Amino acid sequence: MKGTIMRRKIVNLLGSACVLAALSTIAPLSPTASAQQTYQYLLSGNYAVQFTGNVFLPAPFNTVNGPFARNGRVNFDGIGNFSAVVVANYNGTVSRDQFSGTYIVNPDNTFTLSINNLPIPAIPAGIPNTFTFDGVLADNGHIAKIILSGVSVGGQPQTNIGSVITGELVKQYHTP
């Protein structure tokens, strides 16, 4: 009987040592793991979008300068990507477009959208461009206000973007 009890103690001790050895191989969580948390889920699903403003592009891209409006639907995937189907009017020139981009939502409910190669009638296909928009979420992510905050054409950031474009996103809900 003493031999059986001793074997159990040894087996338990060895089992505990194996568990501790296995646990010691797991990498510890980084102290900044919570700081690296993303908030993209706050902007998720389909939104109706409307942008209005004035376009003022430098020559030779100034053929559509003047009043601007864009309406459509944007789908945010909740992990940092979006796609859009829109109709735009650039000073009377109508454009039906599809494009996609990326976004980052911050803990304070502000966000940034980036669109590479946004279809603009005045910018010929093949000339790279990047449009950046900054916004803020309201009403638990059901509404967002947004503004054009940066433009790069041909790889050159524009120090004075010239155009003033603001918009609103409103969450869409589908009910059968």
C-alpha atoms as a PDB file:
ATOM      1  CA  MET A   1       0.000   0.000   0.000  1.00  0.00           C
ATOM      2  CA  LYS A   2       2.800   2.431   0.814  1.00  0.00           C
ATOM      3  CA  GLY A   3       4.282   1.659  -2.631  1.00  0.00           C
ATOM      4  CA  THR A   4       0.962   2.491  -4.341  1.00  0.00           C
ATOM      5  CA  ILE A   5       0.616   5.790  -2.471  1.00  0.00           C
ATOM      6  CA  MET A   6       4.204   6.685  -3.269  1.00  0.00           C
ATOM      7  CA  ARG A   7       3.659   5.912  -7.001  1.00  0.00           C
ATOM      8  CA  ARG A   8       0.536   8.123  -7.049  1.00  0.00           C
ATOM      9  CA  LYS A   9       2.458  10.979  -5.465  1.00  0.00           C
ATOM     10  CA  ILE A  10       5.274  10.591  -7.988  1.00  0.00           C
ATOM     11  CA  VAL A  11       2.799  10.415 -10.921  1.00  0.00           C
ATOM     12  CA  ASN A  12       0.964  13.513  -9.607  1.00  0.00           C
ATOM     13  CA  LEU A  13       4.258  15.357  -9.146  1.00  0.00           C
ATOM     14  CA  LEU A  14       5.458  14.420 -12.644  1.00  0.00           C
ATOM     15  CA  GLY A  15       2.060  15.374 -14.116  1.00  0.00           C
ATOM     16  CA  SER A  16       2.184  18.770 -12.408  1.00  0.00           C
ATOM     17  CA  ALA A  17       5.753  19.295 -13.605  1.00  0.00           C
ATOM     18  CA  CYS A  18       4.680  18.494 -17.206  1.00  0.00           C
ATOM     19  CA  VAL A  19       1.787  20.973 -17.022  1.00  0.00           C
ATOM     20  CA  LEU A  20       4.088  23.683 -15.645  1.00  0.00           C
ATOM     21  CA  ALA A  21       6.672  22.941 -18.334  1.00  0.00           C
ATOM     22  CA  ALA A  22       3.998  23.188 -21.046  1.00  0.00           C
ATOM     23  CA  LEU A  23       2.647  26.471 -19.638  1.00  0.00           C
ATOM     24  CA  SER A  24       6.134  27.958 -19.525  1.00  0.00           C
ATOM     25  CA  THR A  25       6.455  27.582 -23.309  1.00  0.00           C
ATOM     26  CA  ILE A  26       3.444  29.811 -23.978  1.00  0.00           C
ATOM     27  CA  ALA A  27       4.525  33.341 -24.854  1.00  0.00           C
ATOM     28  CA  PRO A  28       3.319  35.939 -22.377  1.00  0.00           C
ATOM     29  CA  LEU A  29       0.823  38.514 -23.555  1.00  0.00           C
ATOM     30  CA  SER A  30       2.408  41.776 -24.533  1.00  0.00           C
ATOM     31  CA  PRO A  31       1.647  44.568 -22.074  1.00  0.00           C
ATOM     32  CA  THR A  32       0.541  46.667 -25.062  1.00  0.00           C
ATOM     33  CA  ALA A  33      -1.880  44.052 -26.407  1.00  0.00           C
ATOM     34  CA  SER A  34      -4.895  46.050 -25.268  1.00  0.00           C
ATOM     35  CA  ALA A  35      -3.414  49.198 -26.818  1.00  0.00           C
ATOM     36  CA  GLN A  36      -3.169  47.342 -30.134  1.00  0.00           C
ATOM     37  CA  GLN A  37      -6.880  46.477 -30.082  1.00  0.00           C
ATOM     38  CA  THR A  38      -8.719  47.562 -33.192  1.00  0.00           C
ATOM     39  CA  TYR A  39     -12.093  49.232 -33.325  1.00  0.00           C
ATOM     40  CA  GLN A  40     -13.004  48.552 -36.969  1.00  0.00           C
ATOM     41  CA  TYR A  41     -16.054  46.583 -35.800  1.00  0.00           C
ATOM     42  CA  LEU A  42     -17.639  49.929 -34.816  1.00  0.00           C
ATOM     43  CA  LEU A  43     -18.023  50.701 -38.527  1.00  0.00           C
ATOM     44  CA  SER A  44     -19.651  47.630 -40.031  1.00  0.00           C
ATOM     45  CA  GLY A  45     -22.434  46.878 -42.502  1.00  0.00           C
ATOM     46  CA  ASN A  46     -24.165  48.921 -45.205  1.00  0.00           C
ATOM     47  CA  TYR A  47     -24.390  52.689 -45.087  1.00  0.00           C
ATOM     48  CA  ALA A  48     -26.090  55.201 -47.359  1.00  0.00           C
ATOM     49  CA  VAL A  49     -23.569  57.891 -48.235  1.00  0.00           C
ATOM     50  CA  GLN A  50     -23.925  61.455 -49.435  1.00  0.00           C
ATOM     51  CA  PHE A  51     -21.061  63.838 -50.172  1.00  0.00           C
ATOM     52  CA  THR A  52     -21.372  67.435 -51.316  1.00  0.00           C
ATOM     53  CA  GLY A  53     -18.953  70.269 -51.879  1.00  0.00           C
ATOM     54  CA  ASN A  54     -16.801  71.953 -54.454  1.00  0.00           C
ATOM     55  CA  VAL A  55     -14.012  70.445 -56.522  1.00  0.00           C
ATOM     56  CA  PHE A  56     -11.020  72.613 -57.371  1.00  0.00           C
ATOM     57  CA  LEU A  57      -8.270  70.565 -58.966  1.00  0.00           C
ATOM     58  CA  PRO A  58      -5.126  72.093 -60.506  1.00  0.00           C
ATOM     59  CA  ALA A  59      -4.581  72.106 -64.272  1.00  0.00           C
ATOM     60  CA  PRO A  60      -4.635  69.842 -66.226  1.00  0.00           C
ATOM     61  CA  PHE A  61      -7.184  68.081 -63.967  1.00  0.00           C
ATOM     62  CA  ASN A  62      -9.494  71.099 -63.636  1.00  0.00           C
ATOM     63  CA  THR A  63     -12.104  70.128 -66.259  1.00  0.00           C
ATOM     64  CA  VAL A  64     -14.684  69.208 -63.595  1.00  0.00           C
ATOM     65  CA  ASN A  65     -14.042  72.033 -61.145  1.00  0.00           C
ATOM     66  CA  GLY A  66     -17.197  73.338 -59.508  1.00  0.00           C
ATOM     67  CA  PRO A  67     -20.117  71.874 -57.522  1.00  0.00           C
ATOM     68  CA  PHE A  68     -19.884  68.215 -56.556  1.00  0.00           C
ATOM     69  CA  ALA A  69     -22.264  65.601 -55.149  1.00  0.00           C
ATOM     70  CA  ARG A  70     -22.007  61.837 -54.622  1.00  0.00           C
ATOM     71  CA  ASN A  71     -24.678  59.422 -53.370  1.00  0.00           C
ATOM     72  CA  GLY A  72     -24.512  55.688 -52.992  1.00  0.00           C
ATOM     73  CA  ARG A  73     -24.014  52.721 -50.736  1.00  0.00           C
ATOM     74  CA  VAL A  74     -20.880  51.725 -48.860  1.00  0.00           C
ATOM     75  CA  ASN A  75     -20.294  48.347 -47.212  1.00  0.00           C
ATOM     76  CA  PHE A  76     -17.837  48.189 -44.305  1.00  0.00           C
ATOM     77  CA  ASP A  77     -16.653  44.681 -43.432  1.00  0.00           C
ATOM     78  CA  GLY A  78     -15.909  45.440 -39.772  1.00  0.00           C
ATOM     79  CA  ILE A  79     -12.209  44.555 -40.122  1.00  0.00           C
ATOM     80  CA  GLY A  80     -10.826  47.524 -42.059  1.00  0.00           C
ATOM     81  CA  ASN A  81     -12.004  47.196 -45.675  1.00  0.00           C
ATOM     82  CA  PHE A  82     -14.897  48.766 -47.536  1.00  0.00           C
ATOM     83  CA  SER A  83     -16.459  48.808 -50.995  1.00  0.00           C
ATOM     84  CA  ALA A  84     -18.758  51.393 -52.552  1.00  0.00           C
ATOM     85  CA  VAL A  85     -21.226  51.727 -55.427  1.00  0.00           C
ATOM     86  CA  VAL A  86     -21.998  55.393 -56.100  1.00  0.00           C
ATOM     87  CA  VAL A  87     -23.278  57.972 -58.558  1.00  0.00           C
ATOM     88  CA  ALA A  88     -21.361  61.251 -58.631  1.00  0.00           C
ATOM     89  CA  ASN A  89     -21.957  64.584 -60.312  1.00  0.00           C
ATOM     90  CA  TYR A  90     -18.878  66.709 -60.995  1.00  0.00           C
ATOM     91  CA  ASN A  91     -20.117  70.124 -62.163  1.00  0.00           C
ATOM     92  CA  GLY A  92     -22.642  68.426 -64.461  1.00  0.00           C
ATOM     93  CA  THR A  93     -20.508  65.431 -65.480  1.00  0.00           C
ATOM     94  CA  VAL A  94     -22.210  62.289 -64.121  1.00  0.00           C
ATOM     95  CA  SER A  95     -20.068  59.316 -63.132  1.00  0.00           C
ATOM     96  CA  ARG A  96     -21.253  55.875 -61.932  1.00  0.00           C
ATOM     97  CA  ASP A  97     -18.445  54.257 -59.999  1.00  0.00           C
ATOM     98  CA  GLN A  98     -17.384  51.328 -57.890  1.00  0.00           C
ATOM     99  CA  PHE A  99     -14.327  51.477 -55.673  1.00  0.00           C
ATOM    100  CA  SER A 100     -12.888  50.074 -52.482  1.00  0.00           C
ATOM    101  CA  GLY A 101     -10.533  51.152 -49.743  1.00  0.00           C
ATOM    102  CA  THR A 102      -9.413  50.682 -46.190  1.00  0.00           C
ATOM    103  CA  TYR A 103     -10.317  52.276 -42.885  1.00  0.00           C
ATOM    104  CA  ILE A 104      -9.142  52.568 -39.307  1.00  0.00           C
ATOM    105  CA  VAL A 105     -11.424  53.371 -36.367  1.00  0.00           C
ATOM    106  CA  ASN A 106      -9.847  54.898 -33.257  1.00  0.00           C
ATOM    107  CA  PRO A 107     -10.947  54.355 -29.635  1.00  0.00           C
ATOM    108  CA  ASP A 108     -12.476  57.861 -29.565  1.00  0.00           C
ATOM    109  CA  ASN A 109     -14.842  56.968 -32.486  1.00  0.00           C
ATOM    110  CA  THR A 110     -12.896  58.999 -35.047  1.00  0.00           C
ATOM    111  CA  PHE A 111     -11.852  57.192 -38.211  1.00  0.00           C
ATOM    112  CA  THR A 112      -9.835  57.558 -41.403  1.00  0.00           C
ATOM    113  CA  LEU A 113     -10.748  56.196 -44.848  1.00  0.00           C
ATOM    114  CA  SER A 114      -8.159  55.755 -47.600  1.00  0.00           C
ATOM    115  CA  ILE A 115      -9.055  55.183 -51.233  1.00  0.00           C
ATOM    116  CA  ASN A 116      -6.366  54.378 -53.781  1.00  0.00           C
ATOM    117  CA  ASN A 117      -7.158  55.195 -57.411  1.00  0.00           C
ATOM    118  CA  LEU A 118     -10.558  56.763 -56.808  1.00  0.00           C
ATOM    119  CA  PRO A 119     -12.289  57.136 -60.180  1.00  0.00           C
ATOM    120  CA  ILE A 120     -12.386  60.879 -60.927  1.00  0.00           C
ATOM    121  CA  PRO A 121     -13.394  61.899 -64.489  1.00  0.00           C
ATOM    122  CA  ALA A 122     -10.640  64.534 -64.670  1.00  0.00           C
ATOM    123  CA  ILE A 123      -7.833  62.168 -63.651  1.00  0.00           C
ATOM    124  CA  PRO A 124      -6.923  59.746 -66.467  1.00  0.00           C
ATOM    125  CA  ALA A 125      -6.849  56.045 -65.618  1.00  0.00           C
ATOM    126  CA  GLY A 126      -3.334  54.945 -64.802  1.00  0.00           C
ATOM    127  CA  ILE A 127      -2.382  58.076 -62.870  1.00  0.00           C
ATOM    128  CA  PRO A 128      -2.205  56.916 -59.261  1.00  0.00           C
ATOM    129  CA  ASN A 129      -4.165  58.886 -56.712  1.00  0.00           C
ATOM    130  CA  THR A 130      -5.018  58.536 -53.045  1.00  0.00           C
ATOM    131  CA  PHE A 131      -7.904  60.296 -51.311  1.00  0.00           C
ATOM    132  CA  THR A 132      -8.083  60.389 -47.523  1.00  0.00           C
ATOM    133  CA  PHE A 133     -11.165  61.232 -45.475  1.00  0.00           C
ATOM    134  CA  ASP A 134     -11.435  61.806 -41.732  1.00  0.00           C
ATOM    135  CA  GLY A 135     -14.655  61.284 -39.838  1.00  0.00           C
ATOM    136  CA  VAL A 136     -16.392  60.728 -36.562  1.00  0.00           C
ATOM    137  CA  LEU A 137     -19.009  58.140 -35.622  1.00  0.00           C
ATOM    138  CA  ALA A 138     -22.169  59.159 -33.775  1.00  0.00           C
ATOM    139  CA  ASP A 139     -25.247  57.394 -32.405  1.00  0.00           C
ATOM    140  CA  ASN A 140     -23.371  54.134 -31.695  1.00  0.00           C
ATOM    141  CA  GLY A 141     -21.982  53.968 -35.230  1.00  0.00           C
ATOM    142  CA  HIS A 142     -25.339  54.518 -36.956  1.00  0.00           C
ATOM    143  CA  ILE A 143     -24.296  57.913 -38.329  1.00  0.00           C
ATOM    144  CA  ALA A 144     -20.927  59.297 -39.376  1.00  0.00           C
ATOM    145  CA  LYS A 145     -19.787  62.738 -40.475  1.00  0.00           C
ATOM    146  CA  ILE A 146     -16.829  62.828 -42.838  1.00  0.00           C
ATOM    147  CA  ILE A 147     -14.564  65.330 -44.622  1.00  0.00           C
ATOM    148  CA  LEU A 148     -11.921  65.157 -47.354  1.00  0.00           C
ATOM    149  CA  SER A 149      -8.594  65.604 -45.579  1.00  0.00           C
ATOM    150  CA  GLY A 150      -5.897  64.647 -48.074  1.00  0.00           C
ATOM    151  CA  VAL A 151      -5.180  64.109 -51.762  1.00  0.00           C
ATOM    152  CA  SER A 152      -2.177  62.671 -53.549  1.00  0.00           C
ATOM    153  CA  VAL A 153      -1.984  62.635 -57.376  1.00  0.00           C
ATOM    154  CA  GLY A 154       0.804  60.888 -59.247  1.00  0.00           C
ATOM    155  CA  GLY A 155       2.452  60.088 -55.933  1.00  0.00           C
ATOM    156  CA  GLN A 156       2.648  63.780 -55.001  1.00  0.00           C
ATOM    157  CA  PRO A 157       0.738  64.864 -51.893  1.00  0.00           C
ATOM    158  CA  GLN A 158      -1.178  68.079 -52.517  1.00  0.00           C
ATOM    159  CA  THR A 159      -0.377  70.609 -49.790  1.00  0.00           C
ATOM    160  CA  ASN A 160      -3.528  72.578 -50.612  1.00  0.00           C
ATOM    161  CA  ILE A 161      -6.164  70.103 -51.742  1.00  0.00           C
ATOM    162  CA  GLY A 162      -8.322  72.969 -53.004  1.00  0.00           C
ATOM    163  CA  SER A 163     -11.536  70.971 -52.807  1.00  0.00           C
ATOM    164  CA  VAL A 164     -13.978  71.135 -49.916  1.00  0.00           C
ATOM    165  CA  ILE A 165     -15.990  67.908 -49.669  1.00  0.00           C
ATOM    166  CA  THR A 166     -18.074  66.855 -46.665  1.00  0.00           C
ATOM    167  CA  GLY A 167     -20.391  63.916 -46.235  1.00  0.00           C
ATOM    168  CA  GLU A 168     -22.592  61.803 -44.085  1.00  0.00           C
ATOM    169  CA  LEU A 169     -22.963  58.057 -43.672  1.00  0.00           C
ATOM    170  CA  VAL A 170     -26.248  56.629 -42.366  1.00  0.00           C
ATOM    171  CA  LYS A 171     -26.556  52.974 -41.367  1.00  0.00           C
ATOM    172  CA  GLN A 172     -28.972  50.956 -43.543  1.00  0.00           C
ATOM    173  CA  TYR A 173     -31.100  48.192 -42.090  1.00  0.00           C
ATOM    174  CA  HIS A 174     -32.750  45.546 -44.199  1.00  0.00           C
ATOM    175  CA  THR A 175     -36.095  44.278 -43.003  1.00  0.00           C
ATOM    176  CA  PRO A 176     -37.866  41.576 -45.006  1.00  0.00           C
END
